[in-house]
Amino acid sequence: MTIHTFEPSIYWNTFGSHPPVLRIADGDTVITRTIDAWGLDAAGKQVNTGSNPETGPFYIEDAQPGDTLVVHIDSLTPNRDFGHTRSALAPNVVVPWSARDLPPNTKIEWQIDRGANTATPGDPVSGFARRAYPLKPMLGCLGVAPDDGQAISTSTSGNFGGNMDYRGFKPGVTVSFPVFAPGALFFLGDGHALQGDGEIIGTGIETTFDVQFTVHLLKGKRVHGPRGENDESIFTVGNARPLEEALQHATTEMYGWLQDADAYHLDPTSASVLMGMCVEYEIGNVFDPAYTVVCKLAKKELR
């Protein structure tokens, strides 16, 4: 179990089978950095011109298709004093006749106070909305290389992970991904200092992070889409459009997880009843080409 410190110099705008930047092993920890969704680094320098540039990919030794990659997000720390958001709701999240009345969609600069752990918006925000908001760092993008040699834009998501923009991808969470390519090829990026559910203005507070994560490999164990857990809950993630298809993917994955002989070993009826009475749904992303729905179950219901 080795701790690697990796300073990135290139970034990718697709999840795919790209040349690995670092080879690591089961149990290893990586300390690295991300740049923001517009390609600005910690100093504000433009180092990439695409959307949601990713750090990686990290090659996990012995990972093969049919395995599961488990990633624990150890820490996410903003490493600069500013971030940006858009200024208007996305037209697709309001009724059509309201879309024409939305304000101009410009970029707002936020001042990040790392000592106070807050961020404050600049002009044109006014009134009670212009206040210091507590930071809640999260990763908008994380995932592995997709199957069939595909290279898929970091603007969207799928069973490989991707641009899910789920607030639950924060420090302390463990996320599992199906392995489709040798080495899994793990990417991460699109750090948000704060974001509401749905990413309904098309951004969080886009900024740069110092990141630490630890990987584990489950050999011969296959999941069908992203799964996660934290101290309180387990959850599954569906990425698709329309929204009900994303819900179906998340629900199906949870239903299978509860019946897994290596996990909770419930029969189909018991799994159905438990889910019917206890699951909660959360919205990850409703801005990008694929939407994200999370099916969550409290661990106290599994005892």
C-alpha atoms as a PDB file:
ATOM      1  CA  MET A   1       0.000   0.000   0.000  1.00  0.00           C
ATOM      2  CA  THR A   2       1.790   3.047  -1.345  1.00  0.00           C
ATOM      3  CA  ILE A   3       0.988   6.763  -1.213  1.00  0.00           C
ATOM      4  CA  HIS A   4       1.612   8.443  -4.571  1.00  0.00           C
ATOM      5  CA  THR A   5       1.855  12.194  -5.083  1.00  0.00           C
ATOM      6  CA  PHE A   6       1.000  13.016  -8.687  1.00  0.00           C
ATOM      7  CA  GLU A   7       1.199  16.449 -10.335  1.00  0.00           C
ATOM      8  CA  PRO A   8      -0.889  16.414 -13.543  1.00  0.00           C
ATOM      9  CA  SER A   9       0.292  18.116 -16.708  1.00  0.00           C
ATOM     10  CA  ILE A  10      -2.329  16.906 -19.208  1.00  0.00           C
ATOM     11  CA  TYR A  11      -6.097  16.608 -18.874  1.00  0.00           C
ATOM     12  CA  TRP A  12      -8.749  14.745 -20.827  1.00  0.00           C
ATOM     13  CA  ASN A  13     -12.151  15.871 -22.059  1.00  0.00           C
ATOM     14  CA  THR A  14     -13.374  12.325 -22.648  1.00  0.00           C
ATOM     15  CA  PHE A  15     -13.609   9.213 -20.519  1.00  0.00           C
ATOM     16  CA  GLY A  16     -11.787   6.599 -22.575  1.00  0.00           C
ATOM     17  CA  SER A  17      -8.870   4.209 -22.913  1.00  0.00           C
ATOM     18  CA  HIS A  18      -6.248   6.940 -22.914  1.00  0.00           C
ATOM     19  CA  PRO A  19      -2.587   6.441 -21.963  1.00  0.00           C
ATOM     20  CA  PRO A  20      -2.378   6.143 -18.168  1.00  0.00           C
ATOM     21  CA  VAL A  21      -0.628   8.876 -16.231  1.00  0.00           C
ATOM     22  CA  LEU A  22       0.200   6.665 -13.245  1.00  0.00           C
ATOM     23  CA  ARG A  23       0.047   2.970 -12.436  1.00  0.00           C
ATOM     24  CA  ILE A  24      -1.159   2.125  -8.934  1.00  0.00           C
ATOM     25  CA  ALA A  25      -2.091  -1.022  -7.030  1.00  0.00           C
ATOM     26  CA  ASP A  26      -4.950  -2.289  -4.888  1.00  0.00           C
ATOM     27  CA  GLY A  27      -4.841  -0.403  -1.596  1.00  0.00           C
ATOM     28  CA  ASP A  28      -2.768   2.515  -2.904  1.00  0.00           C
ATOM     29  CA  THR A  29      -3.538   6.159  -2.164  1.00  0.00           C
ATOM     30  CA  VAL A  30      -3.090   9.050  -4.601  1.00  0.00           C
ATOM     31  CA  ILE A  31      -2.656  12.726  -3.752  1.00  0.00           C
ATOM     32  CA  THR A  32      -3.230  14.926  -6.793  1.00  0.00           C
ATOM     33  CA  ARG A  33      -4.959  18.042  -8.159  1.00  0.00           C
ATOM     34  CA  THR A  34      -7.876  18.947 -10.395  1.00  0.00           C
ATOM     35  CA  ILE A  35      -8.478  21.982 -12.582  1.00  0.00           C
ATOM     36  CA  ASP A  36     -11.870  23.616 -12.960  1.00  0.00           C
ATOM     37  CA  ALA A  37     -14.616  22.946 -15.508  1.00  0.00           C
ATOM     38  CA  TRP A  38     -13.391  25.805 -17.740  1.00  0.00           C
ATOM     39  CA  GLY A  39      -9.791  24.556 -17.781  1.00  0.00           C
ATOM     40  CA  LEU A  40      -8.311  27.029 -15.280  1.00  0.00           C
ATOM     41  CA  ASP A  41      -5.724  25.766 -12.812  1.00  0.00           C
ATOM     42  CA  ALA A  42      -5.136  26.785  -9.200  1.00  0.00           C
ATOM     43  CA  ALA A  43      -3.311  29.940 -10.330  1.00  0.00           C
ATOM     44  CA  GLY A  44      -6.109  30.897 -12.743  1.00  0.00           C
ATOM     45  CA  LYS A  45      -4.036  29.944 -15.795  1.00  0.00           C
ATOM     46  CA  GLN A  46      -5.856  28.438 -18.809  1.00  0.00           C
ATOM     47  CA  VAL A  47      -4.355  24.957 -19.225  1.00  0.00           C
ATOM     48  CA  ASN A  48      -7.220  23.226 -21.084  1.00  0.00           C
ATOM     49  CA  THR A  49      -9.927  24.599 -23.377  1.00  0.00           C
ATOM     50  CA  GLY A  50     -12.493  21.792 -23.263  1.00  0.00           C
ATOM     51  CA  SER A  51     -15.384  21.040 -20.934  1.00  0.00           C
ATOM     52  CA  ASN A  52     -14.799  19.399 -17.526  1.00  0.00           C
ATOM     53  CA  PRO A  53     -11.119  18.449 -18.012  1.00  0.00           C
ATOM     54  CA  GLU A  54     -10.240  15.317 -16.063  1.00  0.00           C
ATOM     55  CA  THR A  55      -7.152  14.327 -14.115  1.00  0.00           C
ATOM     56  CA  GLY A  56      -6.028  10.812 -15.029  1.00  0.00           C
ATOM     57  CA  PRO A  57      -6.443   8.143 -16.095  1.00  0.00           C
ATOM     58  CA  PHE A  58      -4.974   6.098 -13.269  1.00  0.00           C
ATOM     59  CA  TYR A  59      -4.207   2.488 -14.189  1.00  0.00           C
ATOM     60  CA  ILE A  60      -4.997   0.002 -11.410  1.00  0.00           C
ATOM     61  CA  GLU A  61      -2.756  -3.048 -11.657  1.00  0.00           C
ATOM     62  CA  ASP A  62      -4.560  -6.362 -12.257  1.00  0.00           C
ATOM     63  CA  ALA A  63      -7.927  -4.688 -12.920  1.00  0.00           C
ATOM     64  CA  GLN A  64      -9.710  -6.491 -15.752  1.00  0.00           C
ATOM     65  CA  PRO A  65     -13.175  -6.385 -17.314  1.00  0.00           C
ATOM     66  CA  GLY A  66     -15.598  -8.116 -14.972  1.00  0.00           C
ATOM     67  CA  ASP A  67     -13.959  -6.696 -11.833  1.00  0.00           C
ATOM     68  CA  THR A  68     -15.152  -3.802  -9.670  1.00  0.00           C
ATOM     69  CA  LEU A  69     -13.076  -0.732  -8.851  1.00  0.00           C
ATOM     70  CA  VAL A  70     -13.755   0.761  -5.421  1.00  0.00           C
ATOM     71  CA  VAL A  71     -12.648   4.355  -4.821  1.00  0.00           C
ATOM     72  CA  HIS A  72     -12.698   6.049  -1.423  1.00  0.00           C
ATOM     73  CA  ILE A  73     -12.669   9.859  -1.564  1.00  0.00           C
ATOM     74  CA  ASP A  74     -10.390  10.676   1.366  1.00  0.00           C
ATOM     75  CA  SER A  75     -10.332  14.464   1.006  1.00  0.00           C
ATOM     76  CA  LEU A  76     -11.302  17.332  -1.318  1.00  0.00           C
ATOM     77  CA  THR A  77      -9.721  20.678  -0.480  1.00  0.00           C
ATOM     78  CA  PRO A  78     -10.230  23.871  -2.505  1.00  0.00           C
ATOM     79  CA  ASN A  79      -6.779  25.245  -3.363  1.00  0.00           C
ATOM     80  CA  ARG A  80      -7.572  28.740  -4.685  1.00  0.00           C
ATOM     81  CA  ASP A  81      -9.573  31.737  -3.515  1.00  0.00           C
ATOM     82  CA  PHE A  82     -12.103  32.077  -6.343  1.00  0.00           C
ATOM     83  CA  GLY A  83     -14.627  30.097  -8.343  1.00  0.00           C
ATOM     84  CA  HIS A  84     -17.283  30.702 -10.983  1.00  0.00           C
ATOM     85  CA  THR A  85     -20.921  29.870 -11.590  1.00  0.00           C
ATOM     86  CA  ARG A  86     -23.462  30.692 -14.247  1.00  0.00           C
ATOM     87  CA  SER A  87     -26.166  33.222 -13.374  1.00  0.00           C
ATOM     88  CA  ALA A  88     -29.461  31.774 -14.665  1.00  0.00           C
ATOM     89  CA  LEU A  89     -31.555  28.660 -14.278  1.00  0.00           C
ATOM     90  CA  ALA A  90     -31.315  26.236 -17.176  1.00  0.00           C
ATOM     91  CA  PRO A  91     -34.329  26.640 -19.505  1.00  0.00           C
ATOM     92  CA  ASN A  92     -35.145  22.923 -19.259  1.00  0.00           C
ATOM     93  CA  VAL A  93     -35.797  23.062 -15.486  1.00  0.00           C
ATOM     94  CA  VAL A  94     -38.657  25.595 -15.737  1.00  0.00           C
ATOM     95  CA  VAL A  95     -41.937  25.531 -17.659  1.00  0.00           C
ATOM     96  CA  PRO A  96     -41.474  26.700 -21.261  1.00  0.00           C
ATOM     97  CA  TRP A  97     -43.332  30.012 -20.874  1.00  0.00           C
ATOM     98  CA  SER A  98     -41.044  30.966 -17.980  1.00  0.00           C
ATOM     99  CA  ALA A  99     -37.825  30.248 -19.873  1.00  0.00           C
ATOM    100  CA  ARG A 100     -38.115  33.478 -21.875  1.00  0.00           C
ATOM    101  CA  ASP A 101     -38.084  35.507 -18.648  1.00  0.00           C
ATOM    102  CA  LEU A 102     -34.839  34.050 -17.285  1.00  0.00           C
ATOM    103  CA  PRO A 103     -32.008  36.552 -16.710  1.00  0.00           C
ATOM    104  CA  PRO A 104     -28.953  36.750 -18.990  1.00  0.00           C
ATOM    105  CA  ASN A 105     -26.714  33.732 -18.484  1.00  0.00           C
ATOM    106  CA  THR A 106     -23.376  35.301 -17.600  1.00  0.00           C
ATOM    107  CA  LYS A 107     -20.498  34.117 -15.456  1.00  0.00           C
ATOM    108  CA  ILE A 108     -20.412  35.135 -11.770  1.00  0.00           C
ATOM    109  CA  GLU A 109     -17.145  35.164  -9.840  1.00  0.00           C
ATOM    110  CA  TRP A 110     -17.233  33.909  -6.264  1.00  0.00           C
ATOM    111  CA  GLN A 111     -14.717  34.725  -3.554  1.00  0.00           C
ATOM    112  CA  ILE A 112     -13.717  31.624  -1.599  1.00  0.00           C
ATOM    113  CA  ASP A 113     -12.577  32.146   1.991  1.00  0.00           C
ATOM    114  CA  ARG A 114     -10.699  28.950   2.767  1.00  0.00           C
ATOM    115  CA  GLY A 115     -10.121  29.970   6.365  1.00  0.00           C
ATOM    116  CA  ALA A 116     -13.814  30.535   7.039  1.00  0.00           C
ATOM    117  CA  ASN A 117     -14.831  27.683   4.682  1.00  0.00           C
ATOM    118  CA  THR A 118     -17.298  29.906   2.822  1.00  0.00           C
ATOM    119  CA  ALA A 119     -17.911  31.406  -0.618  1.00  0.00           C
ATOM    120  CA  THR A 120     -19.561  34.736  -1.464  1.00  0.00           C
ATOM    121  CA  PRO A 121     -20.929  35.703  -4.918  1.00  0.00           C
ATOM    122  CA  GLY A 122     -20.073  38.912  -6.711  1.00  0.00           C
ATOM    123  CA  ASP A 123     -22.180  41.065  -9.035  1.00  0.00           C
ATOM    124  CA  PRO A 124     -24.948  40.944 -10.168  1.00  0.00           C
ATOM    125  CA  VAL A 125     -26.141  38.918  -7.161  1.00  0.00           C
ATOM    126  CA  SER A 126     -27.863  41.123  -4.574  1.00  0.00           C
ATOM    127  CA  GLY A 127     -30.178  41.041  -1.576  1.00  0.00           C
ATOM    128  CA  PHE A 128     -30.208  38.106   0.815  1.00  0.00           C
ATOM    129  CA  ALA A 129     -28.764  35.858  -1.933  1.00  0.00           C
ATOM    130  CA  ARG A 130     -25.484  37.766  -1.653  1.00  0.00           C
ATOM    131  CA  ARG A 131     -24.119  36.220   1.479  1.00  0.00           C
ATOM    132  CA  ALA A 132     -21.400  33.792   2.566  1.00  0.00           C
ATOM    133  CA  TYR A 133     -22.387  30.198   1.800  1.00  0.00           C
ATOM    134  CA  PRO A 134     -20.738  27.284   3.672  1.00  0.00           C
ATOM    135  CA  LEU A 135     -18.553  25.185   1.374  1.00  0.00           C
ATOM    136  CA  LYS A 136     -19.561  21.585   0.647  1.00  0.00           C
ATOM    137  CA  PRO A 137     -16.858  20.265  -1.692  1.00  0.00           C
ATOM    138  CA  MET A 138     -17.857  17.533  -4.173  1.00  0.00           C
ATOM    139  CA  LEU A 139     -16.671  16.022  -7.438  1.00  0.00           C
ATOM    140  CA  GLY A 140     -18.903  16.603 -10.437  1.00  0.00           C
ATOM    141  CA  CYS A 141     -17.053  14.009 -12.538  1.00  0.00           C
ATOM    142  CA  LEU A 142     -15.494  10.669 -11.706  1.00  0.00           C
ATOM    143  CA  GLY A 143     -15.489   7.367 -13.514  1.00  0.00           C
ATOM    144  CA  VAL A 144     -13.632   4.773 -15.548  1.00  0.00           C
ATOM    145  CA  ALA A 145     -13.028   4.065 -19.229  1.00  0.00           C
ATOM    146  CA  PRO A 146     -16.284   2.894 -20.908  1.00  0.00           C
ATOM    147  CA  ASP A 147     -16.670  -0.440 -22.678  1.00  0.00           C
ATOM    148  CA  ASP A 148     -16.014  -1.229 -26.359  1.00  0.00           C
ATOM    149  CA  GLY A 149     -13.133   1.228 -26.557  1.00  0.00           C
ATOM    150  CA  GLN A 150     -15.470   4.218 -26.475  1.00  0.00           C
ATOM    151  CA  ALA A 151     -14.357   7.748 -25.666  1.00  0.00           C
ATOM    152  CA  ILE A 152     -17.332   9.580 -24.142  1.00  0.00           C
ATOM    153  CA  SER A 153     -17.510  13.308 -23.480  1.00  0.00           C
ATOM    154  CA  THR A 154     -16.949  14.565 -19.953  1.00  0.00           C
ATOM    155  CA  SER A 155     -20.171  16.543 -20.439  1.00  0.00           C
ATOM    156  CA  THR A 156     -22.295  13.433 -19.903  1.00  0.00           C
ATOM    157  CA  SER A 157     -22.481  10.181 -17.948  1.00  0.00           C
ATOM    158  CA  GLY A 158     -23.340   6.496 -18.175  1.00  0.00           C
ATOM    159  CA  ASN A 159     -22.743   3.145 -16.501  1.00  0.00           C
ATOM    160  CA  PHE A 160     -19.024   4.046 -16.357  1.00  0.00           C
ATOM    161  CA  GLY A 161     -19.742   7.101 -14.181  1.00  0.00           C
ATOM    162  CA  GLY A 162     -18.851  10.446 -15.739  1.00  0.00           C
ATOM    163  CA  ASN A 163     -20.403  13.862 -15.268  1.00  0.00           C
ATOM    164  CA  MET A 164     -23.006  12.944 -12.651  1.00  0.00           C
ATOM    165  CA  ASP A 165     -22.861  16.124 -10.531  1.00  0.00           C
ATOM    166  CA  TYR A 166     -24.211  14.339  -7.469  1.00  0.00           C
ATOM    167  CA  ARG A 167     -23.671  16.162  -4.184  1.00  0.00           C
ATOM    168  CA  GLY A 168     -22.983  12.833  -2.473  1.00  0.00           C
ATOM    169  CA  PHE A 169     -19.591  12.449  -4.167  1.00  0.00           C
ATOM    170  CA  LYS A 170     -17.847  14.153  -1.275  1.00  0.00           C
ATOM    171  CA  PRO A 171     -15.136  13.318   1.265  1.00  0.00           C
ATOM    172  CA  GLY A 172     -15.826  10.117   3.161  1.00  0.00           C
ATOM    173  CA  VAL A 173     -17.841   8.408   0.430  1.00  0.00           C
ATOM    174  CA  THR A 174     -16.853   5.134  -1.238  1.00  0.00           C
ATOM    175  CA  VAL A 175     -17.829   4.716  -4.900  1.00  0.00           C
ATOM    176  CA  SER A 176     -17.744   1.488  -6.941  1.00  0.00           C
ATOM    177  CA  PHE A 177     -17.527   1.240 -10.725  1.00  0.00           C
ATOM    178  CA  PRO A 178     -17.676  -1.671 -13.173  1.00  0.00           C
ATOM    179  CA  VAL A 179     -14.342  -2.287 -14.900  1.00  0.00           C
ATOM    180  CA  PHE A 180     -14.636  -2.317 -18.695  1.00  0.00           C
ATOM    181  CA  ALA A 181     -10.999  -1.898 -19.768  1.00  0.00           C
ATOM    182  CA  PRO A 182      -7.688  -3.311 -18.532  1.00  0.00           C
ATOM    183  CA  GLY A 183      -6.483  -1.185 -15.625  1.00  0.00           C
ATOM    184  CA  ALA A 184      -9.974   0.330 -15.149  1.00  0.00           C
ATOM    185  CA  LEU A 185      -8.507   3.754 -16.089  1.00  0.00           C
ATOM    186  CA  PHE A 186      -9.956   5.997 -13.392  1.00  0.00           C
ATOM    187  CA  PHE A 187     -10.539   9.738 -13.977  1.00  0.00           C
ATOM    188  CA  LEU A 188     -11.730  12.556 -11.717  1.00  0.00           C
ATOM    189  CA  GLY A 189     -12.387  16.284 -12.026  1.00  0.00           C
ATOM    190  CA  ASP A 190     -15.010  19.049 -12.188  1.00  0.00           C
ATOM    191  CA  GLY A 191     -14.636  20.094  -8.575  1.00  0.00           C
ATOM    192  CA  HIS A 192     -17.461  22.120  -7.027  1.00  0.00           C
ATOM    193  CA  ALA A 193     -17.017  24.069  -3.812  1.00  0.00           C
ATOM    194  CA  LEU A 194     -20.813  24.071  -3.489  1.00  0.00           C
ATOM    195  CA  GLN A 195     -23.788  22.996  -5.594  1.00  0.00           C
ATOM    196  CA  GLY A 196     -27.493  22.415  -5.107  1.00  0.00           C
ATOM    197  CA  ASP A 197     -29.284  19.278  -6.271  1.00  0.00           C
ATOM    198  CA  GLY A 198     -29.637  18.945 -10.036  1.00  0.00           C
ATOM    199  CA  GLU A 199     -26.924  21.447 -11.014  1.00  0.00           C
ATOM    200  CA  ILE A 200     -29.877  23.503 -12.245  1.00  0.00           C
ATOM    201  CA  ILE A 201     -27.854  26.533 -13.375  1.00  0.00           C
ATOM    202  CA  GLY A 202     -25.436  24.298 -15.252  1.00  0.00           C
ATOM    203  CA  THR A 203     -22.612  24.713 -12.741  1.00  0.00           C
ATOM    204  CA  GLY A 204     -21.679  24.459  -9.131  1.00  0.00           C
ATOM    205  CA  ILE A 205     -19.079  26.859  -7.791  1.00  0.00           C
ATOM    206  CA  GLU A 206     -16.442  25.666 -10.239  1.00  0.00           C
ATOM    207  CA  THR A 207     -12.993  25.650  -8.667  1.00  0.00           C
ATOM    208  CA  THR A 208      -9.825  23.599  -8.223  1.00  0.00           C
ATOM    209  CA  PHE A 209      -9.055  20.970  -5.599  1.00  0.00           C
ATOM    210  CA  ASP A 210      -6.278  19.148  -3.873  1.00  0.00           C
ATOM    211  CA  VAL A 211      -7.596  15.580  -3.872  1.00  0.00           C
ATOM    212  CA  GLN A 212      -6.717  12.404  -2.011  1.00  0.00           C
ATOM    213  CA  PHE A 213      -8.295   9.057  -2.887  1.00  0.00           C
ATOM    214  CA  THR A 214      -7.647   5.381  -2.169  1.00  0.00           C
ATOM    215  CA  VAL A 215      -8.456   2.475  -4.488  1.00  0.00           C
ATOM    216  CA  HIS A 216      -9.397  -1.156  -3.938  1.00  0.00           C
ATOM    217  CA  LEU A 217     -10.098  -3.881  -6.447  1.00  0.00           C
ATOM    218  CA  LEU A 218     -12.780  -6.576  -6.188  1.00  0.00           C
ATOM    219  CA  LYS A 219     -11.670  -9.387  -8.491  1.00  0.00           C
ATOM    220  CA  GLY A 220     -14.401 -11.282 -10.345  1.00  0.00           C
ATOM    221  CA  LYS A 221     -17.116  -9.114  -8.807  1.00  0.00           C
ATOM    222  CA  ARG A 222     -19.219  -7.144 -11.292  1.00  0.00           C
ATOM    223  CA  VAL A 223     -21.556  -4.245 -10.670  1.00  0.00           C
ATOM    224  CA  HIS A 224     -23.621  -2.812 -13.512  1.00  0.00           C
ATOM    225  CA  GLY A 225     -23.343   0.885 -12.721  1.00  0.00           C
ATOM    226  CA  PRO A 226     -21.974   3.246 -10.077  1.00  0.00           C
ATOM    227  CA  ARG A 227     -22.698   2.351  -6.469  1.00  0.00           C
ATOM    228  CA  GLY A 228     -21.712   4.122  -3.299  1.00  0.00           C
ATOM    229  CA  GLU A 229     -21.898   4.215   0.442  1.00  0.00           C
ATOM    230  CA  ASN A 230     -21.160   6.537   3.307  1.00  0.00           C
ATOM    231  CA  ASP A 231     -21.566   6.212   7.062  1.00  0.00           C
ATOM    232  CA  GLU A 232     -25.359   6.487   6.867  1.00  0.00           C
ATOM    233  CA  SER A 233     -26.485   5.017   3.551  1.00  0.00           C
ATOM    234  CA  ILE A 234     -25.871   2.865   0.523  1.00  0.00           C
ATOM    235  CA  PHE A 235     -26.863   4.216  -2.890  1.00  0.00           C
ATOM    236  CA  THR A 236     -26.978   3.353  -6.564  1.00  0.00           C
ATOM    237  CA  VAL A 237     -26.725   5.742  -9.499  1.00  0.00           C
ATOM    238  CA  GLY A 238     -28.648   5.740 -12.773  1.00  0.00           C
ATOM    239  CA  ASN A 239     -27.434   7.892 -15.665  1.00  0.00           C
ATOM    240  CA  ALA A 240     -29.771   8.213 -18.661  1.00  0.00           C
ATOM    241  CA  ARG A 241     -32.391  10.369 -20.326  1.00  0.00           C
ATOM    242  CA  PRO A 242     -35.332  10.707 -19.882  1.00  0.00           C
ATOM    243  CA  LEU A 243     -35.338  11.071 -16.121  1.00  0.00           C
ATOM    244  CA  GLU A 244     -37.518   8.002 -15.554  1.00  0.00           C
ATOM    245  CA  GLU A 245     -34.942   5.826 -17.331  1.00  0.00           C
ATOM    246  CA  ALA A 246     -32.245   7.079 -14.963  1.00  0.00           C
ATOM    247  CA  LEU A 247     -34.579   6.213 -12.066  1.00  0.00           C
ATOM    248  CA  GLN A 248     -35.104   2.732 -13.518  1.00  0.00           C
ATOM    249  CA  HIS A 249     -31.355   2.107 -13.769  1.00  0.00           C
ATOM    250  CA  ALA A 250     -30.754   3.228 -10.185  1.00  0.00           C
ATOM    251  CA  THR A 251     -33.688   1.193  -8.858  1.00  0.00           C
ATOM    252  CA  THR A 252     -32.666  -1.948 -10.733  1.00  0.00           C
ATOM    253  CA  GLU A 253     -29.110  -1.741  -9.429  1.00  0.00           C
ATOM    254  CA  MET A 254     -30.330  -1.361  -5.834  1.00  0.00           C
ATOM    255  CA  TYR A 255     -32.748  -4.266  -6.292  1.00  0.00           C
ATOM    256  CA  GLY A 256     -29.880  -6.474  -7.462  1.00  0.00           C
ATOM    257  CA  TRP A 257     -27.529  -5.307  -4.698  1.00  0.00           C
ATOM    258  CA  LEU A 258     -30.005  -6.254  -1.980  1.00  0.00           C
ATOM    259  CA  GLN A 259     -30.325  -9.765  -3.444  1.00  0.00           C
ATOM    260  CA  ASP A 260     -26.576 -10.285  -3.874  1.00  0.00           C
ATOM    261  CA  ALA A 261     -25.449 -13.349  -1.923  1.00  0.00           C
ATOM    262  CA  ASP A 262     -22.203 -11.544  -1.012  1.00  0.00           C
ATOM    263  CA  ALA A 263     -24.081  -8.509   0.298  1.00  0.00           C
ATOM    264  CA  TYR A 264     -27.594  -8.584   1.826  1.00  0.00           C
ATOM    265  CA  HIS A 265     -28.977 -11.847   0.381  1.00  0.00           C
ATOM    266  CA  LEU A 266     -32.636 -10.816   0.390  1.00  0.00           C
ATOM    267  CA  ASP A 267     -35.206 -12.708  -1.650  1.00  0.00           C
ATOM    268  CA  PRO A 268     -37.024 -10.734  -4.378  1.00  0.00           C
ATOM    269  CA  THR A 269     -40.147 -10.112  -2.284  1.00  0.00           C
ATOM    270  CA  SER A 270     -38.196  -8.913   0.744  1.00  0.00           C
ATOM    271  CA  ALA A 271     -36.029  -6.648  -1.402  1.00  0.00           C
ATOM    272  CA  SER A 272     -39.131  -5.196  -3.061  1.00  0.00           C
ATOM    273  CA  VAL A 273     -40.921  -4.497   0.219  1.00  0.00           C
ATOM    274  CA  LEU A 274     -37.844  -2.975   1.872  1.00  0.00           C
ATOM    275  CA  MET A 275     -37.276  -0.694  -1.097  1.00  0.00           C
ATOM    276  CA  GLY A 276     -40.947   0.184  -1.374  1.00  0.00           C
ATOM    277  CA  MET A 277     -41.059   1.357   2.221  1.00  0.00           C
ATOM    278  CA  CYS A 278     -37.611   2.851   2.727  1.00  0.00           C
ATOM    279  CA  VAL A 279     -35.761   4.091  -0.363  1.00  0.00           C
ATOM    280  CA  GLU A 280     -35.155   7.771  -1.008  1.00  0.00           C
ATOM    281  CA  TYR A 281     -34.419   9.276  -4.413  1.00  0.00           C
ATOM    282  CA  GLU A 282     -32.075  12.186  -5.021  1.00  0.00           C
ATOM    283  CA  ILE A 283     -31.398  14.117  -8.205  1.00  0.00           C
ATOM    284  CA  GLY A 284     -27.817  14.385  -9.372  1.00  0.00           C
ATOM    285  CA  ASN A 285     -27.781  16.158 -12.721  1.00  0.00           C
ATOM    286  CA  VAL A 286     -30.675  17.437 -14.854  1.00  0.00           C
ATOM    287  CA  PHE A 287     -28.629  19.769 -17.038  1.00  0.00           C
ATOM    288  CA  ASP A 288     -26.378  17.527 -19.128  1.00  0.00           C
ATOM    289  CA  PRO A 289     -27.257  15.092 -21.957  1.00  0.00           C
ATOM    290  CA  ALA A 290     -27.761  12.229 -19.487  1.00  0.00           C
ATOM    291  CA  TYR A 291     -29.644  12.872 -16.261  1.00  0.00           C
ATOM    292  CA  THR A 292     -28.647  11.336 -12.914  1.00  0.00           C
ATOM    293  CA  VAL A 293     -30.947   9.786 -10.310  1.00  0.00           C
ATOM    294  CA  VAL A 294     -29.726   8.275  -7.041  1.00  0.00           C
ATOM    295  CA  CYS A 295     -31.582   5.506  -5.190  1.00  0.00           C
ATOM    296  CA  LYS A 296     -30.576   5.620  -1.522  1.00  0.00           C
ATOM    297  CA  LEU A 297     -31.243   3.322   1.421  1.00  0.00           C
ATOM    298  CA  ALA A 298     -30.315   4.050   5.018  1.00  0.00           C
ATOM    299  CA  LYS A 299     -27.992   1.481   6.573  1.00  0.00           C
ATOM    300  CA  LYS A 300     -30.169   1.360   9.689  1.00  0.00           C
ATOM    301  CA  GLU A 301     -32.824  -0.347   7.515  1.00  0.00           C
ATOM    302  CA  LEU A 302     -30.368  -3.132   6.672  1.00  0.00           C
ATOM    303  CA  ARG A 303     -29.679  -4.317  10.212  1.00  0.00           C
END
